[in-house]
């Protein structure tokens, strides 16, 4: 005689060890032997297991639920069936789906509450998913890490990245094998968004040890690992190593017949850092072709900047204006600053100044200040230009390209002012020169500024002694 609870416990034990085939065999074998009412209840547990496969498993979940209802129509009111129906609806309709019934959120069964939480998260109710009372200890082993993953995803949807990072770390601790690697990679992805590439690299190092080369499902996950590794390396100013990682990600994807927007976009970013602008342009064009509607603004923005780097402001403007049509894009102030740069390159100084001032007011301090400095310099408003360039130096990350540019331009303006403050001019020229290669046209100019500022400091000092 088949006992439903015992059979489910046996299936859960197999699932906890990632023995999915064994778990399905346990459930399906029991269903073949059980009487119809028992088979109906087992079909609900089979549907719960099929739901773990996400969207590709939807037809199997639907089939199992239909079997359950055909064997026992009374299960239409069963909380587990209703929770699974809510999850199916959310997978099919996303935010258009009706949220699960309130009573399901407090059902005594942790399994019912788990699927209810999934439905809430999938239907665009992340805060309600987090408010649902459920802990890993209440769930079977195979759902514990998944619970933390869903909760981490809900925090991410709310923009609460530090909380999501901690929950992905806990999910990784509760998971095993490839699932653990995937959770570590999700944690690394959030760390990258938080601007912590070194921490992301440490987490990725842990994930890499979990790849065995024996699992056929590993390759696409390993491609994701290489994609994240490229970003971590780029964030640590290692663009050559980053290029190797992103090329490997592309190779692994291609072996699986895949070509992703993300890999193309990061490849473009890496090539930009290496000064290979034509290659970057092609990569960003590929990213735009692969982008979903939600990703297109990001690809167009990168493409616009790449075209600017190639001094093609007319084409750049077209791409950047396309981004402005999306009011939800989070980097609109930066887009305005880039549009101001386009206008400056095209000699439209009043338009460039107006757009840059708008970008500055909205928070794009560094790129807007560079444009405003250039416009002021063209008008020969030297004091105003110096103010903008010194703001760049204060706000930019030390040793970044913008920081070096700010020092270069500030030194040049002070030279045009006749070295009225030779010590400040010397300091700007010295900082810029330390990070300007000898092959750069600026190198000789900065050497001359440094020499003249030093002479002025010496002669000024002599007069003081007298």
Protein backbone atom coordinates (compact mmCIF):
# COMPACT_ATOMS: atom_id res chain seq x y z
CA UNK A 1 0.00 0.00 0.00
CA UNK A 2 1.41 3.37 -1.06
CA UNK A 3 1.64 6.04 1.65
CA UNK A 4 1.68 9.61 0.27
CA UNK A 5 3.75 11.18 3.07
CA UNK A 6 6.37 8.43 3.03
CA UNK A 7 6.69 8.59 -0.75
CA UNK A 8 7.10 12.36 -0.64
CA UNK A 9 9.79 12.08 2.04
CA UNK A 10 11.68 9.59 -0.14
CA UNK A 11 11.43 11.93 -3.13
CA UNK A 12 12.60 14.88 -1.00
CA UNK A 13 15.63 12.92 0.18
CA UNK A 14 16.61 12.26 -3.45
CA UNK A 15 16.00 15.90 -4.41
CA UNK A 16 18.16 17.13 -1.53
CA UNK A 17 21.03 15.14 -3.06
CA UNK A 18 20.29 16.55 -6.52
CA UNK A 19 19.18 13.08 -7.67
CA UNK A 20 16.31 14.35 -9.77
CA UNK A 21 15.85 11.20 -11.85
CA UNK A 22 15.56 9.14 -8.67
CA UNK A 23 12.99 11.53 -7.23
CA UNK A 24 10.82 11.33 -10.36
CA UNK A 25 11.16 7.54 -10.40
CA UNK A 26 9.96 7.38 -6.77
CA UNK A 27 6.90 9.54 -7.47
CA UNK A 28 5.99 8.00 -10.81
CA UNK A 29 6.46 4.42 -9.59
CA UNK A 30 4.22 5.12 -6.59
CA UNK A 31 1.57 6.65 -8.85
CA UNK A 32 1.50 3.54 -11.03
CA UNK A 33 0.77 1.36 -8.01
CA UNK A 34 -1.48 3.61 -5.95
CA UNK A 35 -5.27 3.83 -5.90
CA UNK A 36 -6.79 6.88 -7.68
CA UNK A 37 -7.23 9.14 -4.61
CA UNK A 38 -3.64 8.53 -3.56
CA UNK A 39 -2.40 8.97 -7.14
CA UNK A 40 -4.17 12.32 -7.24
CA UNK A 41 -2.31 13.62 -4.18
CA UNK A 42 0.98 12.26 -5.47
CA UNK A 43 0.35 14.11 -8.75
CA UNK A 44 0.33 17.40 -6.79
CA UNK A 45 3.75 16.59 -5.35
CA UNK A 46 4.93 15.66 -8.84
CA UNK A 47 3.70 19.06 -10.05
CA UNK A 48 5.63 20.75 -7.22
CA UNK A 49 8.79 18.95 -8.32
CA UNK A 50 8.25 19.78 -11.99
CA UNK A 51 7.82 23.46 -11.05
CA UNK A 52 11.45 23.56 -9.90
CA UNK A 53 12.51 23.52 -13.55
CA UNK A 54 11.01 26.96 -14.09
CA UNK A 55 9.42 27.99 -17.37
CA UNK A 56 10.64 24.94 -19.37
CA UNK A 57 8.77 22.74 -16.87
CA UNK A 58 5.42 24.53 -17.21
CA UNK A 59 3.79 21.94 -19.55
CA UNK A 60 4.76 19.14 -17.18
CA UNK A 61 3.35 21.02 -14.20
CA UNK A 62 0.09 21.59 -16.06
CA UNK A 63 -0.11 17.93 -17.02
CA UNK A 64 0.44 16.78 -13.44
CA UNK A 65 -2.23 19.17 -12.14
CA UNK A 66 -4.68 17.95 -14.76
CA UNK A 67 -3.99 14.36 -13.71
CA UNK A 68 -4.64 15.25 -10.07
CA UNK A 69 -7.99 16.89 -10.87
CA UNK A 70 -9.11 14.10 -13.19
CA UNK A 71 -8.48 11.54 -10.46
CA UNK A 72 -9.97 13.61 -7.63
CA UNK A 73 -12.05 16.69 -8.59
CA UNK A 74 -12.21 17.59 -4.90
CA UNK A 75 -8.56 18.68 -5.11
CA UNK A 76 -9.67 21.83 -6.94
CA UNK A 77 -9.88 23.49 -3.53
CA UNK A 78 -6.59 22.02 -2.23
CA UNK A 79 -4.18 24.82 -1.15
CA UNK A 80 -1.19 23.19 -2.86
CA UNK A 81 -3.05 22.96 -6.19
CA UNK A 82 -4.16 26.60 -5.89
CA UNK A 83 -0.64 27.77 -5.02
CA UNK A 84 0.79 25.90 -8.01
CA UNK A 85 -1.91 27.36 -10.28
CA UNK A 86 -0.95 30.84 -9.04
CA UNK A 87 2.69 30.13 -9.82
CA UNK A 88 1.80 28.87 -13.30
CA UNK A 89 -0.27 31.97 -13.93
CA UNK A 90 2.58 34.21 -12.81
CA UNK A 91 5.04 32.42 -15.11
CA UNK A 92 2.69 32.88 -18.04
CA UNK A 93 1.45 36.43 -17.37
CA UNK A 94 4.09 37.97 -15.07
CA UNK A 95 2.77 41.22 -13.59
CA UNK A 96 -0.56 40.78 -15.39
CA UNK A 97 -1.30 37.63 -13.35
CA UNK A 98 -3.72 37.71 -10.45
CA UNK A 99 -1.83 37.44 -7.14
CA UNK A 100 -2.38 34.31 -5.05
CA UNK A 101 -5.25 34.31 -2.60
CA UNK A 102 -4.44 35.89 0.80
CA UNK A 103 -5.21 32.70 2.74
CA UNK A 104 -2.49 30.82 0.84
CA UNK A 105 0.13 33.16 2.32
CA UNK A 106 -0.62 31.90 5.83
CA UNK A 107 -1.42 28.26 4.99
CA UNK A 108 -0.09 25.77 7.56
CA UNK A 109 1.83 23.90 4.86
CA UNK A 110 5.33 25.32 4.22
CA UNK A 111 5.21 23.82 0.71
CA UNK A 112 2.04 25.79 -0.08
CA UNK A 113 3.63 28.96 1.25
CA UNK A 114 6.78 28.33 -0.80
CA UNK A 115 4.88 28.14 -4.09
CA UNK A 116 2.78 31.13 -3.02
CA UNK A 117 5.99 33.11 -2.46
CA UNK A 118 7.18 32.09 -5.93
CA UNK A 119 3.90 33.30 -7.42
CA UNK A 120 4.18 36.64 -5.62
CA UNK A 121 7.76 37.19 -6.77
CA UNK A 122 7.00 36.21 -10.37
CA UNK A 123 3.91 38.44 -10.56
CA UNK A 124 5.79 41.57 -9.50
CA UNK A 125 5.05 41.66 -5.76
CA UNK A 126 8.55 41.38 -4.25
CA UNK A 127 7.72 43.08 -0.95
CA UNK A 128 4.73 40.80 -0.38
CA UNK A 129 6.95 37.81 -1.16
CA UNK A 130 9.40 38.99 1.52
CA UNK A 131 6.58 39.61 3.98
CA UNK A 132 5.41 36.00 3.70
CA UNK A 133 6.53 34.13 6.83
CA UNK A 134 8.71 31.19 5.80
CA UNK A 135 12.13 29.96 6.89
CA UNK A 136 14.48 27.36 5.40
CA UNK A 137 14.14 25.14 8.48
CA UNK A 138 10.44 24.58 7.68
CA UNK A 139 11.12 23.28 4.18
CA UNK A 140 12.52 20.07 2.71
CA UNK A 141 16.24 20.27 1.98
CA UNK A 142 15.89 20.81 -1.76
CA UNK A 143 13.79 23.96 -1.23
CA UNK A 144 15.89 25.68 1.43
CA UNK A 145 18.45 27.25 -0.88
CA UNK A 146 15.71 27.99 -3.39
CA UNK A 147 13.77 29.94 -0.75
CA UNK A 148 16.80 32.13 -0.03
CA UNK A 149 17.36 32.59 -3.77
CA UNK A 150 13.77 33.78 -4.29
CA UNK A 151 14.08 36.14 -1.33
CA UNK A 152 17.40 37.47 -2.64
CA UNK A 153 15.80 38.06 -6.01
CA UNK A 154 12.93 39.96 -4.35
CA UNK A 155 15.40 42.23 -2.54
CA UNK A 156 17.20 42.81 -5.84
CA UNK A 157 13.89 43.77 -7.49
CA UNK A 158 13.42 46.34 -4.71
CA UNK A 159 16.91 47.74 -5.25
CA UNK A 160 18.09 46.36 -1.91
CA UNK A 161 21.34 44.89 -3.21
CA UNK A 162 23.25 44.41 0.07
CA UNK A 163 20.37 42.34 1.49
CA UNK A 164 20.21 40.33 -1.72
CA UNK A 165 23.95 39.68 -1.58
CA UNK A 166 23.71 38.22 1.92
CA UNK A 167 20.78 35.97 0.98
CA UNK A 168 22.56 34.64 -2.11
CA UNK A 169 25.51 33.82 0.14
CA UNK A 170 23.17 31.87 2.43
CA UNK A 171 21.58 30.16 -0.58
CA UNK A 172 25.04 29.08 -1.71
CA UNK A 173 25.76 27.69 1.75
CA UNK A 174 22.53 25.63 1.62
CA UNK A 175 23.01 24.40 -1.96
CA UNK A 176 25.36 21.81 -3.39
CA UNK A 177 27.40 21.28 -6.53
CA UNK A 178 26.44 23.28 -9.59
CA UNK A 179 23.51 24.91 -7.78
CA UNK A 180 25.96 26.26 -5.22
CA UNK A 181 28.16 27.64 -8.01
CA UNK A 182 25.14 29.38 -9.56
CA UNK A 183 24.20 30.99 -6.24
CA UNK A 184 27.76 32.21 -5.73
CA UNK A 185 27.67 33.70 -9.21
CA UNK A 186 24.41 35.49 -8.40
CA UNK A 187 26.09 36.88 -5.30
CA UNK A 188 29.08 38.00 -7.38
CA UNK A 189 26.77 39.72 -9.88
CA UNK A 190 25.26 41.84 -7.09
CA UNK A 191 28.70 42.63 -5.70
CA UNK A 192 29.67 43.92 -9.14
CA UNK A 193 26.57 46.13 -9.19
CA UNK A 194 27.62 47.44 -5.77
CA UNK A 195 31.02 48.40 -7.18
CA UNK A 196 32.94 45.71 -5.26
CA UNK A 197 34.92 43.86 -7.98
CA UNK A 198 37.53 42.47 -5.60
CA UNK A 199 34.86 40.88 -3.39
CA UNK A 200 33.13 39.57 -6.51
CA UNK A 201 36.40 38.01 -7.68
CA UNK A 202 36.81 36.18 -4.35
CA UNK A 203 33.29 34.76 -4.59
CA UNK A 204 33.86 33.73 -8.20
CA UNK A 205 37.03 31.92 -7.16
CA UNK A 206 34.92 29.80 -4.80
CA UNK A 207 32.38 29.09 -7.54
CA UNK A 208 35.05 27.98 -10.04
CA UNK A 209 36.16 25.09 -7.83
CA UNK A 210 32.67 23.56 -8.06
CA UNK A 211 32.87 22.91 -11.81
CA UNK A 212 33.85 19.30 -12.45
CA UNK A 213 33.68 19.09 -16.26
CA UNK A 214 31.42 16.04 -15.94
CA UNK A 215 28.01 17.71 -15.95
CA UNK A 216 26.69 18.53 -19.46
CA UNK A 217 24.76 21.47 -17.96
CA UNK A 218 27.95 23.10 -16.73
CA UNK A 219 29.03 24.81 -19.94
CA UNK A 220 26.47 27.64 -20.09
CA UNK A 221 26.87 28.27 -16.36
CA UNK A 222 30.63 28.38 -16.89
CA UNK A 223 30.07 30.89 -19.69
CA UNK A 224 28.23 33.05 -17.14
CA UNK A 225 31.16 32.60 -14.75
CA UNK A 226 33.58 33.86 -17.42
CA UNK A 227 31.24 36.79 -18.18
CA UNK A 228 31.21 37.81 -14.51
CA UNK A 229 34.95 37.20 -14.20
CA UNK A 230 35.55 39.59 -17.10
CA UNK A 231 33.62 42.31 -15.28
CA UNK A 232 35.48 41.67 -12.03
CA UNK A 233 38.84 41.88 -13.82
CA UNK A 234 37.81 45.04 -15.66
CA UNK A 235 36.76 46.58 -12.35
CA UNK A 236 40.26 45.85 -11.04
CA UNK A 237 41.89 47.57 -14.03
CA UNK A 238 42.97 44.32 -15.73
CA UNK A 239 41.47 44.78 -19.21
CA UNK A 240 43.80 42.32 -20.97
CA UNK A 241 42.81 39.50 -18.61
CA UNK A 242 39.18 40.62 -18.87
CA UNK A 243 39.34 40.27 -22.65
CA UNK A 244 40.53 36.67 -22.30
CA UNK A 245 37.62 35.90 -19.95
CA UNK A 246 34.92 37.47 -22.14
CA UNK A 247 36.28 35.77 -25.25
CA UNK A 248 36.06 32.45 -23.40
CA UNK A 249 32.49 33.24 -22.39
CA UNK A 250 31.62 33.87 -26.04
CA UNK A 251 33.31 30.62 -27.10
CA UNK A 252 31.42 28.56 -24.51
CA UNK A 253 28.12 30.16 -25.51
CA UNK A 254 28.77 29.48 -29.19
CA UNK A 255 29.42 25.79 -28.43
CA UNK A 256 25.89 25.67 -27.03
CA UNK A 257 24.42 27.60 -29.95
CA UNK A 258 23.97 30.69 -27.79
CA UNK A 259 24.93 34.34 -28.30
CA UNK A 260 23.92 36.61 -25.43
CA UNK A 261 23.44 40.35 -25.19
CA UNK A 262 25.41 40.53 -21.93
CA UNK A 263 28.55 38.91 -23.30
CA UNK A 264 28.54 41.16 -26.37
CA UNK A 265 28.03 44.26 -24.21
CA UNK A 266 30.87 43.44 -21.81
CA UNK A 267 33.14 42.58 -24.73
CA UNK A 268 32.51 46.08 -26.05
CA UNK A 269 33.27 47.60 -22.67
CA UNK A 270 36.54 45.68 -22.41
CA UNK A 271 37.62 46.68 -25.91
CA UNK A 272 36.80 50.31 -25.09
CA UNK A 273 39.15 50.16 -22.09
CA UNK A 274 41.84 48.72 -24.36
CA UNK A 275 41.40 51.61 -26.81
CA UNK A 276 40.18 49.29 -29.56
CA UNK A 277 37.26 51.50 -30.54
CA UNK A 278 36.36 49.88 -33.87
CA UNK A 279 36.13 46.47 -32.23
CA UNK A 280 34.11 47.94 -29.38
CA UNK A 281 31.69 49.49 -31.87
CA UNK A 282 31.08 46.12 -33.55
CA UNK A 283 30.54 44.46 -30.16
CA UNK A 284 28.00 47.09 -29.09
CA UNK A 285 26.20 46.75 -32.44
CA UNK A 286 25.97 43.00 -31.82
CA UNK A 287 24.67 43.68 -28.30
CA UNK A 288 21.98 45.96 -29.71
CA UNK A 289 20.89 43.27 -32.17
CA UNK A 290 20.63 40.74 -29.33
CA UNK A 291 19.04 43.08 -26.78
CA UNK A 292 15.57 42.63 -25.37
CA UNK A 293 13.36 45.75 -25.31
CA UNK A 294 14.42 46.37 -21.70
CA UNK A 295 18.12 46.10 -22.63
CA UNK A 296 18.05 48.26 -25.76
CA UNK A 297 18.60 51.58 -23.93
CA UNK A 298 21.78 50.22 -22.33
CA UNK A 299 23.10 48.99 -25.69
CA UNK A 300 22.21 52.25 -27.45
CA UNK A 301 23.95 54.26 -24.72
CA UNK A 302 27.15 52.23 -25.01
CA UNK A 303 26.94 52.46 -28.79
CA UNK A 304 26.50 56.23 -28.63
CA UNK A 305 29.56 56.63 -26.42
CA UNK A 306 31.60 54.35 -28.71
CA UNK A 307 30.63 56.48 -31.70
CA UNK A 308 31.67 59.59 -29.77
CA UNK A 309 35.04 57.97 -29.06
CA UNK A 310 35.40 57.52 -32.82
CA UNK A 311 34.48 61.21 -33.30
CA UNK A 312 31.21 60.44 -35.06
CA UNK A 313 28.93 62.80 -33.13
CA UNK A 314 26.04 62.84 -35.62
CA UNK A 315 25.59 59.05 -35.43
CA UNK A 316 26.22 59.12 -31.69
CA UNK A 317 23.47 61.68 -31.21
CA UNK A 318 20.96 59.42 -33.00
CA UNK A 319 21.67 56.53 -30.62
CA UNK A 320 21.63 58.74 -27.52
CA UNK A 321 18.34 60.37 -28.46
CA UNK A 322 16.82 56.89 -28.73
CA UNK A 323 17.80 56.30 -25.10
CA UNK A 324 16.12 59.51 -23.96
CA UNK A 325 12.79 58.13 -25.19
CA UNK A 326 12.83 55.65 -22.28
CA UNK A 327 12.00 57.60 -19.09
CA UNK A 328 12.80 54.53 -16.95
CA UNK A 329 16.44 54.35 -18.03
CA UNK A 330 18.47 54.93 -14.84
CA UNK A 331 21.34 56.84 -16.47
CA UNK A 332 19.46 59.63 -18.24
CA UNK A 333 21.65 62.39 -16.70
CA UNK A 334 24.72 60.70 -18.20
CA UNK A 335 22.94 60.47 -21.55
CA UNK A 336 22.29 64.21 -21.41
CA UNK A 337 25.97 64.83 -20.71
CA UNK A 338 26.91 62.68 -23.71
CA UNK A 339 24.42 64.57 -25.88
CA UNK A 340 26.06 67.81 -24.70
CA UNK A 341 29.40 66.38 -25.81
CA UNK A 342 27.87 65.66 -29.23
CA UNK A 343 26.72 69.25 -29.53
CA UNK A 344 30.15 70.50 -28.45
CA UNK A 345 31.84 68.37 -31.09
CA UNK A 346 29.42 69.77 -33.67
CA UNK A 347 30.27 73.36 -32.67
CA UNK A 348 26.85 74.02 -31.15
CA UNK A 349 28.20 75.67 -28.02
CA UNK A 350 24.99 77.26 -26.62
CA UNK A 351 23.11 73.96 -26.98
CA UNK A 352 26.05 72.05 -25.45
CA UNK A 353 26.15 74.40 -22.47
CA UNK A 354 22.40 74.23 -21.86
CA UNK A 355 22.27 70.43 -22.03
CA UNK A 356 25.39 70.04 -19.88
CA UNK A 357 23.93 72.34 -17.22
CA UNK A 358 20.80 70.19 -17.21
CA UNK A 359 22.93 67.04 -16.85
CA UNK A 360 24.94 68.62 -14.02
CA UNK A 361 21.75 69.56 -12.15
CA UNK A 362 20.53 65.97 -12.47
CA UNK A 363 23.72 64.48 -11.05
CA UNK A 364 26.02 63.65 -13.97
CA UNK A 365 28.71 65.79 -12.39
CA UNK A 366 31.89 64.57 -14.07
CA UNK A 367 30.90 64.31 -17.76
CA UNK A 368 28.79 67.47 -17.58
CA UNK A 369 31.62 69.43 -15.94
CA UNK A 370 34.05 68.36 -18.66
CA UNK A 371 31.71 69.69 -21.35
CA UNK A 372 31.07 72.90 -19.42
CA UNK A 373 34.80 73.38 -18.96
CA UNK A 374 35.42 72.92 -22.66
CA UNK A 375 32.65 75.36 -23.61
CA UNK A 376 33.94 77.98 -21.14
CA UNK A 377 37.45 77.53 -22.49
CA UNK A 378 36.25 78.06 -26.06
CA UNK A 379 34.60 81.30 -24.90
CA UNK A 380 37.92 82.13 -23.14
CA UNK A 381 36.16 82.30 -19.76
CA UNK A 382 39.23 80.91 -18.04
CA UNK A 383 38.16 81.27 -14.40
CA UNK A 384 34.88 79.47 -15.14
CA UNK A 385 36.65 76.74 -17.12
CA UNK A 386 39.10 76.16 -14.26
CA UNK A 387 36.23 75.84 -11.79
CA UNK A 388 34.64 73.08 -13.90
CA UNK A 389 37.90 71.16 -14.40
CA UNK A 390 38.78 71.31 -10.71
CA UNK A 391 35.32 69.92 -9.92
CA UNK A 392 36.18 66.98 -12.18
CA UNK A 393 39.41 66.39 -10.26
CA UNK A 394 37.52 66.43 -6.93
CA UNK A 395 34.72 64.11 -8.04
CA UNK A 396 36.46 61.61 -10.32
CA UNK A 397 38.08 58.42 -9.05
CA UNK A 398 41.83 58.98 -8.57
CA UNK A 399 43.88 57.90 -11.58
CA UNK A 400 40.77 57.39 -13.74
CA UNK A 401 40.72 58.79 -17.27
CA UNK A 402 38.43 61.66 -16.23
CA UNK A 403 40.64 62.47 -13.24
CA UNK A 404 43.72 62.66 -15.48
CA UNK A 405 41.82 64.79 -18.02
CA UNK A 406 40.73 67.15 -15.26
CA UNK A 407 44.33 67.64 -14.12
CA UNK A 408 45.55 68.10 -17.69
CA UNK A 409 42.96 70.74 -18.50
CA UNK A 410 43.34 72.54 -15.16
CA UNK A 411 47.10 72.79 -15.70
CA UNK A 412 46.56 74.07 -19.23
CA UNK A 413 44.07 76.74 -18.12
CA UNK A 414 46.45 77.91 -15.38
CA UNK A 415 49.19 78.19 -17.99
CA UNK A 416 46.93 80.40 -20.09
CA UNK A 417 46.27 82.50 -16.98
CA UNK A 418 50.00 83.10 -16.70
CA UNK A 419 50.60 80.80 -13.72
CA UNK A 420 48.96 83.16 -11.23
CA UNK A 421 48.99 80.25 -8.74
CA UNK A 422 52.17 78.40 -9.77
CA UNK A 423 52.02 75.86 -6.93
CA UNK A 424 48.52 74.72 -7.94
CA UNK A 425 49.51 74.64 -11.60
CA UNK A 426 52.61 72.59 -10.72
CA UNK A 427 50.51 70.13 -8.72
CA UNK A 428 48.00 69.65 -11.56
CA UNK A 429 50.72 69.18 -14.15
CA UNK A 430 52.66 66.79 -11.92
CA UNK A 431 49.60 64.57 -11.24
CA UNK A 432 48.62 64.53 -14.91
CA UNK A 433 52.17 63.83 -16.13
CA UNK A 434 52.50 60.83 -13.81
CA UNK A 435 49.57 59.16 -15.61
CA UNK A 436 50.17 60.34 -19.19
CA UNK A 437 52.20 58.07 -21.50
CA UNK A 438 55.15 59.61 -23.34
CA UNK A 439 53.48 58.81 -26.66
CA UNK A 440 50.55 61.09 -25.78
CA UNK A 441 50.59 64.61 -27.26
CA UNK A 442 49.87 65.94 -23.79
CA UNK A 443 53.17 64.63 -22.41
CA UNK A 444 55.40 67.39 -23.85
CA UNK A 445 52.83 70.07 -23.04
CA UNK A 446 52.62 68.97 -19.41
CA UNK A 447 56.40 68.87 -19.11
CA UNK A 448 56.53 72.48 -20.29
CA UNK A 449 53.77 73.50 -17.83
CA UNK A 450 55.65 71.78 -15.03
CA UNK A 451 58.89 73.53 -15.95
CA UNK A 452 57.33 76.98 -16.21
CA UNK A 453 55.30 76.57 -13.00
CA UNK A 454 58.47 75.44 -11.22
CA UNK A 455 60.35 78.49 -12.47
CA UNK A 456 57.57 80.78 -11.27
CA UNK A 457 57.61 79.12 -7.87
CA UNK A 458 61.38 79.57 -7.66
CA UNK A 459 61.37 83.21 -8.72
CA UNK A 460 58.45 83.92 -6.40
CA UNK A 461 60.34 82.30 -3.57
CA UNK A 462 63.41 84.44 -4.36
CA UNK A 463 61.43 87.65 -4.12
CA UNK A 464 59.97 86.59 -0.81
CA UNK A 465 63.44 86.03 0.64
CA UNK A 466 64.55 89.46 -0.47
